[in-house]
Amino acid sequence: MLNVLMEFRKGILFVRLYGILNKDTIDKFKTDVKEVIINSGIMYVVLNVDNLDSISKDGVKEIKSLKKILNKMDGEFFLFGGEVKELKSLVNLENELKVFERVVI
């Protein structure tokens, strides 16, 4: 099961994922997260994967896809947490609130 908590603050969408992100839960991620971002034109996203119990290669692909989408929209993608080696290169925040030091809206 995948639970998604989203909070919009000062022009930044904070997305916190809980549970499991795999082939069984990818559709929930796509509809609850990616489609919302694309349809609303949100430019700054902080994705917190610290509370995921597990993530599959499919989940990693979806996160990388979200980053590419935001880059094409001239937005910025920030990632916090996680022990998955495939995501380590994407982690660019020590904690979620550091994003306010990096984004000027």
Protein backbone atom coordinates (compact mmCIF):
# COMPACT_ATOMS: atom_id res chain seq x y z
CA MET A 1 0.00 0.00 0.00
CA LEU A 2 1.14 3.54 -0.78
CA ASN A 3 -0.04 6.57 1.15
CA VAL A 4 0.59 10.04 -0.21
CA LEU A 5 0.47 13.20 1.88
CA MET A 6 0.75 16.50 0.02
CA GLU A 7 1.09 20.00 1.41
CA PHE A 8 1.42 23.21 -0.59
CA ARG A 9 3.38 25.97 1.16
CA LYS A 10 4.80 29.19 -0.25
CA GLY A 11 4.64 27.95 -3.85
CA ILE A 12 6.27 24.61 -3.08
CA LEU A 13 4.50 21.25 -3.12
CA PHE A 14 5.72 18.90 -0.41
CA VAL A 15 4.96 15.25 -1.20
CA ARG A 16 5.55 12.64 1.48
CA LEU A 17 5.34 8.97 0.55
CA TYR A 18 4.55 6.23 3.07
CA GLY A 19 4.48 2.47 2.53
CA ILE A 20 5.58 0.74 -0.64
CA LEU A 21 6.24 2.14 -4.11
CA ASN A 22 6.25 -0.74 -6.59
CA LYS A 23 4.43 -2.00 -9.67
CA ASP A 24 1.26 -2.48 -7.61
CA THR A 25 1.23 1.11 -6.34
CA ILE A 26 2.75 2.98 -9.32
CA ASP A 27 -0.69 3.95 -10.64
CA LYS A 28 -1.51 5.69 -7.35
CA PHE A 29 1.76 7.62 -7.57
CA LYS A 30 1.02 8.59 -11.17
CA THR A 31 -2.50 9.85 -10.48
CA ASP A 32 -2.03 11.31 -7.00
CA VAL A 33 1.34 12.95 -7.61
CA LYS A 34 2.45 13.25 -11.23
CA GLU A 35 -0.91 14.19 -12.73
CA VAL A 36 -1.55 16.77 -10.01
CA ILE A 37 1.82 18.41 -10.68
CA ILE A 38 1.40 18.37 -14.46
CA ASN A 39 -2.21 19.58 -14.44
CA SER A 40 -1.66 22.34 -11.89
CA GLY A 41 1.63 23.64 -13.27
CA ILE A 42 3.40 23.42 -9.92
CA MET A 43 7.03 24.35 -10.46
CA TYR A 44 8.71 23.35 -7.18
CA VAL A 45 8.34 19.90 -5.67
CA VAL A 46 9.95 18.35 -2.61
CA LEU A 47 9.57 14.57 -2.60
CA ASN A 48 10.20 12.92 0.76
CA VAL A 49 10.83 9.18 0.45
CA ASP A 50 12.20 8.76 3.97
CA ASN A 51 9.11 6.87 5.15
CA LEU A 52 8.93 4.36 2.31
CA ASP A 53 9.28 0.81 3.54
CA SER A 54 10.46 -0.30 0.11
CA ILE A 55 10.75 0.90 -3.44
CA SER A 56 11.15 -1.16 -6.61
CA LYS A 57 13.05 -0.35 -9.79
CA ASP A 58 9.69 0.72 -11.27
CA GLY A 59 9.28 3.18 -8.40
CA VAL A 60 12.75 4.59 -8.97
CA LYS A 61 11.92 5.04 -12.67
CA GLU A 62 8.76 6.97 -11.81
CA ILE A 63 10.63 9.30 -9.48
CA LYS A 64 13.27 9.94 -12.14
CA SER A 65 10.47 10.53 -14.66
CA LEU A 66 8.92 13.13 -12.35
CA LYS A 67 12.27 14.91 -12.11
CA LYS A 68 12.53 15.01 -15.93
CA ILE A 69 9.00 16.39 -16.23
CA LEU A 70 9.74 19.20 -13.81
CA ASN A 71 12.99 20.01 -15.61
CA LYS A 72 11.09 20.29 -18.92
CA MET A 73 8.61 22.63 -17.22
CA ASP A 74 11.56 24.77 -15.99
CA GLY A 75 10.68 23.72 -12.47
CA GLU A 76 12.84 22.27 -9.73
CA PHE A 77 12.76 18.85 -8.12
CA PHE A 78 14.08 18.23 -4.63
CA LEU A 79 14.45 14.83 -2.99
CA PHE A 80 14.85 14.07 0.68
CA GLY A 81 15.47 10.77 2.45
CA GLY A 82 15.73 7.21 1.39
CA GLU A 83 18.40 4.57 1.46
CA VAL A 84 17.96 3.36 -2.11
CA LYS A 85 21.28 3.59 -3.92
CA GLU A 86 19.58 4.39 -7.25
CA LEU A 87 18.10 7.51 -5.63
CA LYS A 88 21.21 8.63 -3.73
CA SER A 89 22.41 10.73 -6.66
CA LEU A 90 19.07 12.59 -6.68
CA VAL A 91 18.98 13.43 -2.96
CA ASN A 92 19.67 17.13 -2.70
CA LEU A 93 18.17 18.17 0.65
CA GLU A 94 19.33 17.44 4.20
CA ASN A 95 15.79 18.10 5.38
CA GLU A 96 12.61 19.34 3.73
CA LEU A 97 12.78 22.87 5.10
CA LYS A 98 16.17 23.53 3.47
CA VAL A 99 14.20 24.02 0.26
CA PHE A 100 13.20 27.49 1.48
CA GLU A 101 16.88 28.48 1.41
CA ARG A 102 17.20 27.33 -2.21
CA VAL A 103 13.99 28.55 -3.81
CA VAL A 104 13.12 32.20 -4.15
CA ILE A 105 9.53 32.74 -5.23
